[in-house]
Amino acid sequence: EYRGYDSAGICIISEGQLITNKVQGRIQKLESILET
């Protein structure tokens, strides 16, 4: 985070499929989406 950014995303392989989540803003926003 110290490097600066304006968006973040993550992609995992689950049951043979790519699952992607992206957000504008802070990593905490991405983290809250991934909690559910």
PDB file of all heavy atoms in Angstrom:
ATOM      1  N   GLU A   1       0.808  -1.224   0.000  1.00  0.00           N
ATOM      2  CA  GLU A   1       0.000   0.000   0.000  1.00  0.00           C
ATOM      3  C   GLU A   1       0.836   1.268   0.000  1.00  0.00           C
ATOM      4  O   GLU A   1       0.422   2.279  -0.562  1.00  0.00           O
ATOM      5  CB  GLU A   1      -0.951   0.018   1.198  1.00  0.00           C
ATOM      6  CG  GLU A   1      -2.147  -0.863   1.010  1.00  0.00           C
ATOM      7  CD  GLU A   1      -3.157  -0.707   2.129  1.00  0.00           C
ATOM      8  OE1 GLU A   1      -2.805  -0.980   3.290  1.00  0.00           O
ATOM      9  OE2 GLU A   1      -4.291  -0.304   1.822  1.00  0.00           O
ATOM     10  N   TYR A   2       1.999   1.247   0.611  1.00  0.00           N
ATOM     11  CA  TYR A   2       2.843   2.442   0.711  1.00  0.00           C
ATOM     12  C   TYR A   2       3.253   2.964  -0.668  1.00  0.00           C
ATOM     13  O   TYR A   2       3.606   4.131  -0.817  1.00  0.00           O
ATOM     14  CB  TYR A   2       4.095   2.143   1.538  1.00  0.00           C
ATOM     15  CG  TYR A   2       5.114   1.302   0.808  1.00  0.00           C
ATOM     16  CD1 TYR A   2       6.148   1.900   0.097  1.00  0.00           C
ATOM     17  CD2 TYR A   2       5.033  -0.089   0.798  1.00  0.00           C
ATOM     18  CE1 TYR A   2       7.080   1.135  -0.596  1.00  0.00           C
ATOM     19  CE2 TYR A   2       5.946  -0.860   0.124  1.00  0.00           C
ATOM     20  CZ  TYR A   2       6.972  -0.243  -0.567  1.00  0.00           C
ATOM     21  OH  TYR A   2       7.881  -1.007  -1.246  1.00  0.00           O
ATOM     22  N   ARG A   3       3.158   2.126  -1.685  1.00  0.00           N
ATOM     23  CA  ARG A   3       3.595   2.510  -3.022  1.00  0.00           C
ATOM     24  C   ARG A   3       2.577   3.397  -3.743  1.00  0.00           C
ATOM     25  O   ARG A   3       2.896   4.005  -4.745  1.00  0.00           O
ATOM     26  CB  ARG A   3       3.848   1.251  -3.854  1.00  0.00           C
ATOM     27  CG  ARG A   3       4.913   0.364  -3.235  1.00  0.00           C
ATOM     28  CD  ARG A   3       5.049  -0.912  -3.975  1.00  0.00           C
ATOM     29  NE  ARG A   3       5.807  -0.660  -5.201  1.00  0.00           N
ATOM     30  CZ  ARG A   3       6.178  -1.607  -6.032  1.00  0.00           C
ATOM     31  NH1 ARG A   3       5.845  -2.857  -5.793  1.00  0.00           N
ATOM     32  NH2 ARG A   3       6.860  -1.324  -7.105  1.00  0.00           N
ATOM     33  N   GLY A   4       1.357   3.453  -3.233  1.00  0.00           N
ATOM     34  CA  GLY A   4       0.321   4.259  -3.854  1.00  0.00           C
ATOM     35  C   GLY A   4      -0.424   3.491  -4.939  1.00  0.00           C
ATOM     36  O   GLY A   4       0.181   2.722  -5.670  1.00  0.00           O
ATOM     37  N   TYR A   5      -1.726   3.669  -4.983  1.00  0.00           N
ATOM     38  CA  TYR A   5      -2.559   2.994  -5.969  1.00  0.00           C
ATOM     39  C   TYR A   5      -3.948   3.607  -5.938  1.00  0.00           C
ATOM     40  O   TYR A   5      -4.297   4.321  -5.015  1.00  0.00           O
ATOM     41  CB  TYR A   5      -2.651   1.487  -5.674  1.00  0.00           C
ATOM     42  CG  TYR A   5      -3.298   1.174  -4.355  1.00  0.00           C
ATOM     43  CD1 TYR A   5      -4.646   0.836  -4.290  1.00  0.00           C
ATOM     44  CD2 TYR A   5      -2.591   1.246  -3.168  1.00  0.00           C
ATOM     45  CE1 TYR A   5      -5.259   0.570  -3.081  1.00  0.00           C
ATOM     46  CE2 TYR A   5      -3.193   0.982  -1.959  1.00  0.00           C
ATOM     47  CZ  TYR A   5      -4.523   0.645  -1.918  1.00  0.00           C
ATOM     48  OH  TYR A   5      -5.136   0.386  -0.719  1.00  0.00           O
ATOM     49  N   ASP A   6      -4.754   3.335  -6.974  1.00  0.00           N
ATOM     50  CA  ASP A   6      -6.133   3.821  -6.977  1.00  0.00           C
ATOM     51  C   ASP A   6      -7.146   2.705  -7.233  1.00  0.00           C
ATOM     52  O   ASP A   6      -8.347   2.938  -7.197  1.00  0.00           O
ATOM     53  CB  ASP A   6      -6.325   4.959  -7.983  1.00  0.00           C
ATOM     54  CG  ASP A   6      -6.010   4.556  -9.410  1.00  0.00           C
ATOM     55  OD1 ASP A   6      -5.852   3.345  -9.677  1.00  0.00           O
ATOM     56  OD2 ASP A   6      -5.918   5.443 -10.258  1.00  0.00           O
ATOM     57  N   SER A   7      -6.659   1.497  -7.499  1.00  0.00           N
ATOM     58  CA  SER A   7      -7.558   0.360  -7.655  1.00  0.00           C
ATOM     59  C   SER A   7      -6.806  -0.920  -7.312  1.00  0.00           C
ATOM     60  O   SER A   7      -5.578  -0.943  -7.283  1.00  0.00           O
ATOM     61  CB  SER A   7      -8.105   0.288  -9.092  1.00  0.00           C
ATOM     62  OG  SER A   7      -7.053   0.150 -10.020  1.00  0.00           O
ATOM     63  N   ALA A   8      -7.574  -1.964  -7.036  1.00  0.00           N
ATOM     64  CA  ALA A   8      -6.972  -3.240  -6.659  1.00  0.00           C
ATOM     65  C   ALA A   8      -7.866  -4.374  -7.146  1.00  0.00           C
ATOM     66  O   ALA A   8      -9.073  -4.195  -7.340  1.00  0.00           O
ATOM     67  CB  ALA A   8      -6.802  -3.326  -5.144  1.00  0.00           C
ATOM     68  N   GLY A   9      -7.276  -5.532  -7.331  1.00  0.00           N
ATOM     69  CA  GLY A   9      -8.047  -6.687  -7.765  1.00  0.00           C
ATOM     70  C   GLY A   9      -7.381  -7.977  -7.356  1.00  0.00           C
ATOM     71  O   GLY A   9      -6.199  -8.008  -7.013  1.00  0.00           O
ATOM     72  N   ILE A  10      -8.160  -9.045  -7.386  1.00  0.00           N
ATOM     73  CA  ILE A  10      -7.658 -10.366  -7.050  1.00  0.00           C
ATOM     74  C   ILE A  10      -8.364 -11.380  -7.937  1.00  0.00           C
ATOM     75  O   ILE A  10      -9.532 -11.208  -8.288  1.00  0.00           O
ATOM     76  CB  ILE A  10      -7.869 -10.681  -5.552  1.00  0.00           C
ATOM     77  CG1 ILE A  10      -7.176 -11.982  -5.167  1.00  0.00           C
ATOM     78  CG2 ILE A  10      -9.329 -10.698  -5.189  1.00  0.00           C
ATOM     79  CD1 ILE A  10      -7.133 -12.229  -3.660  1.00  0.00           C
ATOM     80  N   CYS A  11      -7.637 -12.419  -8.311  1.00  0.00           N
ATOM     81  CA  CYS A  11      -8.200 -13.494  -9.118  1.00  0.00           C
ATOM     82  C   CYS A  11      -7.724 -14.821  -8.527  1.00  0.00           C
ATOM     83  O   CYS A  11      -6.532 -14.986  -8.239  1.00  0.00           O
ATOM     84  CB  CYS A  11      -7.741 -13.367 -10.567  1.00  0.00           C
ATOM     85  SG  CYS A  11      -8.444 -14.625 -11.654  1.00  0.00           S
ATOM     86  N   ILE A  12      -8.657 -15.746  -8.325  1.00  0.00           N
ATOM     87  CA  ILE A  12      -8.325 -17.078  -7.832  1.00  0.00           C
ATOM     88  C   ILE A  12      -8.881 -18.118  -8.801  1.00  0.00           C
ATOM     89  O   ILE A  12      -9.766 -17.828  -9.599  1.00  0.00           O
ATOM     90  CB  ILE A  12      -8.868 -17.331  -6.409  1.00  0.00           C
ATOM     91  CG1 ILE A  12     -10.396 -17.254  -6.390  1.00  0.00           C
ATOM     92  CG2 ILE A  12      -8.237 -16.392  -5.404  1.00  0.00           C
ATOM     93  CD1 ILE A  12     -11.029 -17.729  -5.092  1.00  0.00           C
ATOM     94  N   ILE A  13      -8.330 -19.318  -8.718  1.00  0.00           N
ATOM     95  CA  ILE A  13      -8.870 -20.445  -9.473  1.00  0.00           C
ATOM     96  C   ILE A  13      -9.655 -21.291  -8.487  1.00  0.00           C
ATOM     97  O   ILE A  13      -9.105 -21.799  -7.513  1.00  0.00           O
ATOM     98  CB  ILE A  13      -7.759 -21.275 -10.119  1.00  0.00           C
ATOM     99  CG1 ILE A  13      -6.956 -20.423 -11.078  1.00  0.00           C
ATOM    100  CG2 ILE A  13      -8.353 -22.498 -10.817  1.00  0.00           C
ATOM    101  CD1 ILE A  13      -5.747 -21.121 -11.657  1.00  0.00           C
ATOM    102  N   SER A  14     -10.955 -21.422  -8.722  1.00  0.00           N
ATOM    103  CA  SER A  14     -11.818 -22.198  -7.840  1.00  0.00           C
ATOM    104  C   SER A  14     -12.657 -23.154  -8.687  1.00  0.00           C
ATOM    105  O   SER A  14     -13.392 -22.709  -9.577  1.00  0.00           O
ATOM    106  CB  SER A  14     -12.727 -21.267  -7.033  1.00  0.00           C
ATOM    107  OG  SER A  14     -13.572 -22.005  -6.178  1.00  0.00           O
ATOM    108  N   GLU A  15     -12.512 -24.423  -8.416  1.00  0.00           N
ATOM    109  CA  GLU A  15     -13.246 -25.463  -9.142  1.00  0.00           C
ATOM    110  C   GLU A  15     -13.075 -25.322 -10.651  1.00  0.00           C
ATOM    111  O   GLU A  15     -14.029 -25.435 -11.420  1.00  0.00           O
ATOM    112  CB  GLU A  15     -14.713 -25.458  -8.742  1.00  0.00           C
ATOM    113  CG  GLU A  15     -14.922 -25.761  -7.270  1.00  0.00           C
ATOM    114  CD  GLU A  15     -16.377 -25.716  -6.849  1.00  0.00           C
ATOM    115  OE1 GLU A  15     -17.259 -25.680  -7.724  1.00  0.00           O
ATOM    116  OE2 GLU A  15     -16.617 -25.728  -5.637  1.00  0.00           O
ATOM    117  N   GLY A  16     -11.851 -25.016 -11.082  1.00  0.00           N
ATOM    118  CA  GLY A  16     -11.534 -24.916 -12.492  1.00  0.00           C
ATOM    119  C   GLY A  16     -11.960 -23.632 -13.174  1.00  0.00           C
ATOM    120  O   GLY A  16     -11.818 -23.500 -14.383  1.00  0.00           O
ATOM    121  N   GLN A  17     -12.471 -22.663 -12.419  1.00  0.00           N
ATOM    122  CA  GLN A  17     -12.898 -21.389 -12.994  1.00  0.00           C
ATOM    123  C   GLN A  17     -12.118 -20.234 -12.383  1.00  0.00           C
ATOM    124  O   GLN A  17     -11.759 -20.273 -11.201  1.00  0.00           O
ATOM    125  CB  GLN A  17     -14.383 -21.171 -12.756  1.00  0.00           C
ATOM    126  CG  GLN A  17     -15.259 -22.154 -13.475  1.00  0.00           C
ATOM    127  CD  GLN A  17     -16.728 -21.755 -13.383  1.00  0.00           C
ATOM    128  OE1 GLN A  17     -17.079 -20.724 -12.836  1.00  0.00           O
ATOM    129  NE2 GLN A  17     -17.582 -22.589 -13.928  1.00  0.00           N
ATOM    130  N   LEU A  18     -11.895 -19.194 -13.173  1.00  0.00           N
ATOM    131  CA  LEU A  18     -11.270 -17.979 -12.668  1.00  0.00           C
ATOM    132  C   LEU A  18     -12.341 -17.109 -12.017  1.00  0.00           C
ATOM    133  O   LEU A  18     -13.362 -16.802 -12.635  1.00  0.00           O
ATOM    134  CB  LEU A  18     -10.602 -17.194 -13.801  1.00  0.00           C
ATOM    135  CG  LEU A  18      -9.412 -17.872 -14.470  1.00  0.00           C
ATOM    136  CD1 LEU A  18      -8.933 -17.030 -15.649  1.00  0.00           C
ATOM    137  CD2 LEU A  18      -8.288 -18.098 -13.480  1.00  0.00           C
ATOM    138  N   ILE A  19     -12.108 -16.718 -10.774  1.00  0.00           N
ATOM    139  CA  ILE A  19     -13.016 -15.843 -10.033  1.00  0.00           C
ATOM    140  C   ILE A  19     -12.270 -14.527  -9.811  1.00  0.00           C
ATOM    141  O   ILE A  19     -11.240 -14.498  -9.143  1.00  0.00           O
ATOM    142  CB  ILE A  19     -13.424 -16.459  -8.674  1.00  0.00           C
ATOM    143  CG1 ILE A  19     -13.921 -17.895  -8.836  1.00  0.00           C
ATOM    144  CG2 ILE A  19     -14.420 -15.562  -7.974  1.00  0.00           C
ATOM    145  CD1 ILE A  19     -15.162 -18.043  -9.679  1.00  0.00           C
ATOM    146  N   THR A  20     -12.792 -13.444 -10.377  1.00  0.00           N
ATOM    147  CA  THR A  20     -12.117 -12.150 -10.335  1.00  0.00           C
ATOM    148  C   THR A  20     -12.961 -11.127  -9.577  1.00  0.00           C
ATOM    149  O   THR A  20     -14.166 -11.059  -9.773  1.00  0.00           O
ATOM    150  CB  THR A  20     -11.877 -11.638 -11.772  1.00  0.00           C
ATOM    151  OG1 THR A  20     -11.137 -12.623 -12.481  1.00  0.00           O
ATOM    152  CG2 THR A  20     -11.106 -10.333 -11.761  1.00  0.00           C
ATOM    153  N   ASN A  21     -12.304 -10.350  -8.730  1.00  0.00           N
ATOM    154  CA  ASN A  21     -12.937  -9.233  -8.024  1.00  0.00           C
ATOM    155  C   ASN A  21     -12.022  -8.029  -8.146  1.00  0.00           C
ATOM    156  O   ASN A  21     -10.819  -8.136  -7.896  1.00  0.00           O
ATOM    157  CB  ASN A  21     -13.138  -9.567  -6.537  1.00  0.00           C
ATOM    158  CG  ASN A  21     -14.197 -10.610  -6.340  1.00  0.00           C
ATOM    159  OD1 ASN A  21     -15.366 -10.323  -6.386  1.00  0.00           O
ATOM    160  ND2 ASN A  21     -13.776 -11.853  -6.140  1.00  0.00           N
ATOM    161  N   LYS A  22     -12.602  -6.873  -8.547  1.00  0.00           N
ATOM    162  CA  LYS A  22     -11.840  -5.636  -8.711  1.00  0.00           C
ATOM    163  C   LYS A  22     -12.610  -4.492  -8.064  1.00  0.00           C
ATOM    164  O   LYS A  22     -13.839  -4.501  -8.065  1.00  0.00           O
ATOM    165  CB  LYS A  22     -11.631  -5.293 -10.180  1.00  0.00           C
ATOM    166  CG  LYS A  22     -11.096  -6.382 -11.033  1.00  0.00           C
ATOM    167  CD  LYS A  22     -10.830  -5.914 -12.437  1.00  0.00           C
ATOM    168  CE  LYS A  22     -12.033  -6.042 -13.319  1.00  0.00           C
ATOM    169  NZ  LYS A  22     -11.741  -5.766 -14.734  1.00  0.00           N
ATOM    170  N   VAL A  23     -11.869  -3.516  -7.538  1.00  0.00           N
ATOM    171  CA  VAL A  23     -12.510  -2.330  -6.960  1.00  0.00           C
ATOM    172  C   VAL A  23     -11.676  -1.097  -7.263  1.00  0.00           C
ATOM    173  O   VAL A  23     -10.468  -1.171  -7.423  1.00  0.00           O
ATOM    174  CB  VAL A  23     -12.688  -2.433  -5.422  1.00  0.00           C
ATOM    175  CG1 VAL A  23     -13.595  -3.574  -5.054  1.00  0.00           C
ATOM    176  CG2 VAL A  23     -11.359  -2.542  -4.707  1.00  0.00           C
ATOM    177  N   GLN A  24     -12.355   0.045  -7.354  1.00  0.00           N
ATOM    178  CA  GLN A  24     -11.671   1.327  -7.323  1.00  0.00           C
ATOM    179  C   GLN A  24     -11.524   1.681  -5.854  1.00  0.00           C
ATOM    180  O   GLN A  24     -12.442   1.473  -5.077  1.00  0.00           O
ATOM    181  CB  GLN A  24     -12.488   2.395  -8.030  1.00  0.00           C
ATOM    182  CG  GLN A  24     -12.533   2.248  -9.512  1.00  0.00           C
ATOM    183  CD  GLN A  24     -13.294   3.392 -10.166  1.00  0.00           C
ATOM    184  OE1 GLN A  24     -13.703   4.328  -9.515  1.00  0.00           O
ATOM    185  NE2 GLN A  24     -13.476   3.283 -11.459  1.00  0.00           N
ATOM    186  N   GLY A  25     -10.388   2.209  -5.491  1.00  0.00           N
ATOM    187  CA  GLY A  25     -10.201   2.615  -4.101  1.00  0.00           C
ATOM    188  C   GLY A  25      -9.305   1.670  -3.326  1.00  0.00           C
ATOM    189  O   GLY A  25      -8.489   0.961  -3.897  1.00  0.00           O
ATOM    190  N   ARG A  26      -9.484   1.688  -2.030  1.00  0.00           N
ATOM    191  CA  ARG A  26      -8.579   1.024  -1.095  1.00  0.00           C
ATOM    192  C   ARG A  26      -8.749  -0.502  -1.049  1.00  0.00           C
ATOM    193  O   ARG A  26      -9.809  -1.047  -1.369  1.00  0.00           O
ATOM    194  CB  ARG A  26      -8.792   1.574   0.312  1.00  0.00           C
ATOM    195  CG  ARG A  26      -8.747   3.086   0.423  1.00  0.00           C
ATOM    196  CD  ARG A  26      -7.445   3.679   0.012  1.00  0.00           C
ATOM    197  NE  ARG A  26      -6.398   3.323   0.954  1.00  0.00           N
ATOM    198  CZ  ARG A  26      -5.129   3.611   0.778  1.00  0.00           C
ATOM    199  NH1 ARG A  26      -4.740   4.248  -0.280  1.00  0.00           N
ATOM    200  NH2 ARG A  26      -4.238   3.259   1.663  1.00  0.00           N
ATOM    201  N   ILE A  27      -7.714  -1.176  -0.602  1.00  0.00           N
ATOM    202  CA  ILE A  27      -7.724  -2.627  -0.452  1.00  0.00           C
ATOM    203  C   ILE A  27      -8.786  -3.052   0.558  1.00  0.00           C
ATOM    204  O   ILE A  27      -9.389  -4.113   0.415  1.00  0.00           O
ATOM    205  CB  ILE A  27      -6.327  -3.130  -0.047  1.00  0.00           C
ATOM    206  CG1 ILE A  27      -5.365  -2.926  -1.222  1.00  0.00           C
ATOM    207  CG2 ILE A  27      -6.371  -4.601   0.358  1.00  0.00           C
ATOM    208  CD1 ILE A  27      -3.920  -3.156  -0.890  1.00  0.00           C
ATOM    209  N   GLN A  28      -9.072  -2.217   1.551  1.00  0.00           N
ATOM    210  CA  GLN A  28     -10.106  -2.544   2.535  1.00  0.00           C
ATOM    211  C   GLN A  28     -11.458  -2.744   1.858  1.00  0.00           C
ATOM    212  O   GLN A  28     -12.258  -3.579   2.286  1.00  0.00           O
ATOM    213  CB  GLN A  28     -10.217  -1.448   3.607  1.00  0.00           C
ATOM    214  CG  GLN A  28      -9.045  -1.402   4.553  1.00  0.00           C
ATOM    215  CD  GLN A  28      -7.841  -0.656   3.970  1.00  0.00           C
ATOM    216  OE1 GLN A  28      -7.897  -0.075   2.888  1.00  0.00           O
ATOM    217  NE2 GLN A  28      -6.728  -0.703   4.675  1.00  0.00           N
ATOM    218  N   LYS A  29     -11.723  -2.001   0.805  1.00  0.00           N
ATOM    219  CA  LYS A  29     -12.962  -2.155   0.055  1.00  0.00           C
ATOM    220  C   LYS A  29     -13.012  -3.528  -0.628  1.00  0.00           C
ATOM    221  O   LYS A  29     -14.031  -4.214  -0.601  1.00  0.00           O
ATOM    222  CB  LYS A  29     -13.072  -1.031  -0.983  1.00  0.00           C
ATOM    223  CG  LYS A  29     -14.384  -0.947  -1.697  1.00  0.00           C
ATOM    224  CD  LYS A  29     -14.392   0.286  -2.593  1.00  0.00           C
ATOM    225  CE  LYS A  29     -15.665   0.403  -3.385  1.00  0.00           C
ATOM    226  NZ  LYS A  29     -15.626   1.572  -4.292  1.00  0.00           N
ATOM    227  N   LEU A  30     -11.911  -3.936  -1.203  1.00  0.00           N
ATOM    228  CA  LEU A  30     -11.805  -5.260  -1.816  1.00  0.00           C
ATOM    229  C   LEU A  30     -11.956  -6.349  -0.757  1.00  0.00           C
ATOM    230  O   LEU A  30     -12.673  -7.328  -0.955  1.00  0.00           O
ATOM    231  CB  LEU A  30     -10.456  -5.401  -2.529  1.00  0.00           C
ATOM    232  CG  LEU A  30     -10.146  -6.729  -3.199  1.00  0.00           C
ATOM    233  CD1 LEU A  30     -11.149  -7.026  -4.305  1.00  0.00           C
ATOM    234  CD2 LEU A  30      -8.727  -6.721  -3.752  1.00  0.00           C
ATOM    235  N   GLU A  31     -11.320  -6.135   0.367  1.00  0.00           N
ATOM    236  CA  GLU A  31     -11.382  -7.106   1.466  1.00  0.00           C
ATOM    237  C   GLU A  31     -12.823  -7.293   1.961  1.00  0.00           C
ATOM    238  O   GLU A  31     -13.250  -8.420   2.218  1.00  0.00           O
ATOM    239  CB  GLU A  31     -10.483  -6.634   2.606  1.00  0.00           C
ATOM    240  CG  GLU A  31     -10.246  -7.638   3.679  1.00  0.00           C
ATOM    241  CD  GLU A  31      -9.196  -7.162   4.659  1.00  0.00           C
ATOM    242  OE1 GLU A  31      -9.025  -5.938   4.828  1.00  0.00           O
ATOM    243  OE2 GLU A  31      -8.544  -8.021   5.267  1.00  0.00           O
ATOM    244  N   SER A  32     -13.586  -6.215   2.063  1.00  0.00           N
ATOM    245  CA  SER A  32     -14.958  -6.327   2.544  1.00  0.00           C
ATOM    246  C   SER A  32     -15.838  -7.092   1.545  1.00  0.00           C
ATOM    247  O   SER A  32     -16.735  -7.835   1.947  1.00  0.00           O
ATOM    248  CB  SER A  32     -15.553  -4.949   2.838  1.00  0.00           C
ATOM    249  OG  SER A  32     -15.713  -4.204   1.657  1.00  0.00           O
ATOM    250  N   ILE A  33     -15.577  -6.945   0.262  1.00  0.00           N
ATOM    251  CA  ILE A  33     -16.308  -7.719  -0.747  1.00  0.00           C
ATOM    252  C   ILE A  33     -15.970  -9.204  -0.624  1.00  0.00           C
ATOM    253  O   ILE A  33     -16.839 -10.067  -0.703  1.00  0.00           O
ATOM    254  CB  ILE A  33     -15.976  -7.209  -2.161  1.00  0.00           C
ATOM    255  CG1 ILE A  33     -16.578  -5.831  -2.374  1.00  0.00           C
ATOM    256  CG2 ILE A  33     -16.455  -8.184  -3.226  1.00  0.00           C
ATOM    257  CD1 ILE A  33     -16.116  -5.163  -3.647  1.00  0.00           C
ATOM    258  N   LEU A  34     -14.708  -9.500  -0.401  1.00  0.00           N
ATOM    259  CA  LEU A  34     -14.264 -10.891  -0.346  1.00  0.00           C
ATOM    260  C   LEU A  34     -14.690 -11.605   0.936  1.00  0.00           C
ATOM    261  O   LEU A  34     -14.700 -12.842   0.972  1.00  0.00           O
ATOM    262  CB  LEU A  34     -12.749 -10.954  -0.509  1.00  0.00           C
ATOM    263  CG  LEU A  34     -12.244 -10.521  -1.889  1.00  0.00           C
ATOM    264  CD1 LEU A  34     -10.733 -10.399  -1.890  1.00  0.00           C
ATOM    265  CD2 LEU A  34     -12.716 -11.487  -2.956  1.00  0.00           C
ATOM    266  N   GLU A  35     -15.043 -10.861   1.984  1.00  0.00           N
ATOM    267  CA  GLU A  35     -15.493 -11.484   3.233  1.00  0.00           C
ATOM    268  C   GLU A  35     -16.749 -12.322   3.024  1.00  0.00           C
ATOM    269  O   GLU A  35     -16.958 -13.318   3.708  1.00  0.00           O
ATOM    270  CB  GLU A  35     -15.750 -10.424   4.304  1.00  0.00           C
ATOM    271  CG  GLU A  35     -14.502  -9.853   4.901  1.00  0.00           C
ATOM    272  CD  GLU A  35     -14.778  -8.729   5.889  1.00  0.00           C
ATOM    273  OE1 GLU A  35     -15.962  -8.357   6.064  1.00  0.00           O
ATOM    274  OE2 GLU A  35     -13.814  -8.233   6.466  1.00  0.00           O
ATOM    275  N   THR A  36     -17.588 -11.925   2.084  1.00  0.00           N
ATOM    276  CA  THR A  36     -18.833 -12.643   1.835  1.00  0.00           C
ATOM    277  C   THR A  36     -18.700 -13.669   0.710  1.00  0.00           C
ATOM    278  O   THR A  36     -19.655 -14.384   0.426  1.00  0.00           O
ATOM    279  CB  THR A  36     -19.965 -11.662   1.484  1.00  0.00           C
ATOM    280  OG1 THR A  36     -19.598 -10.934   0.315  1.00  0.00           O
ATOM    281  CG2 THR A  36     -20.220 -10.702   2.629  1.00  0.00           C
TER     282      THR A  36
END
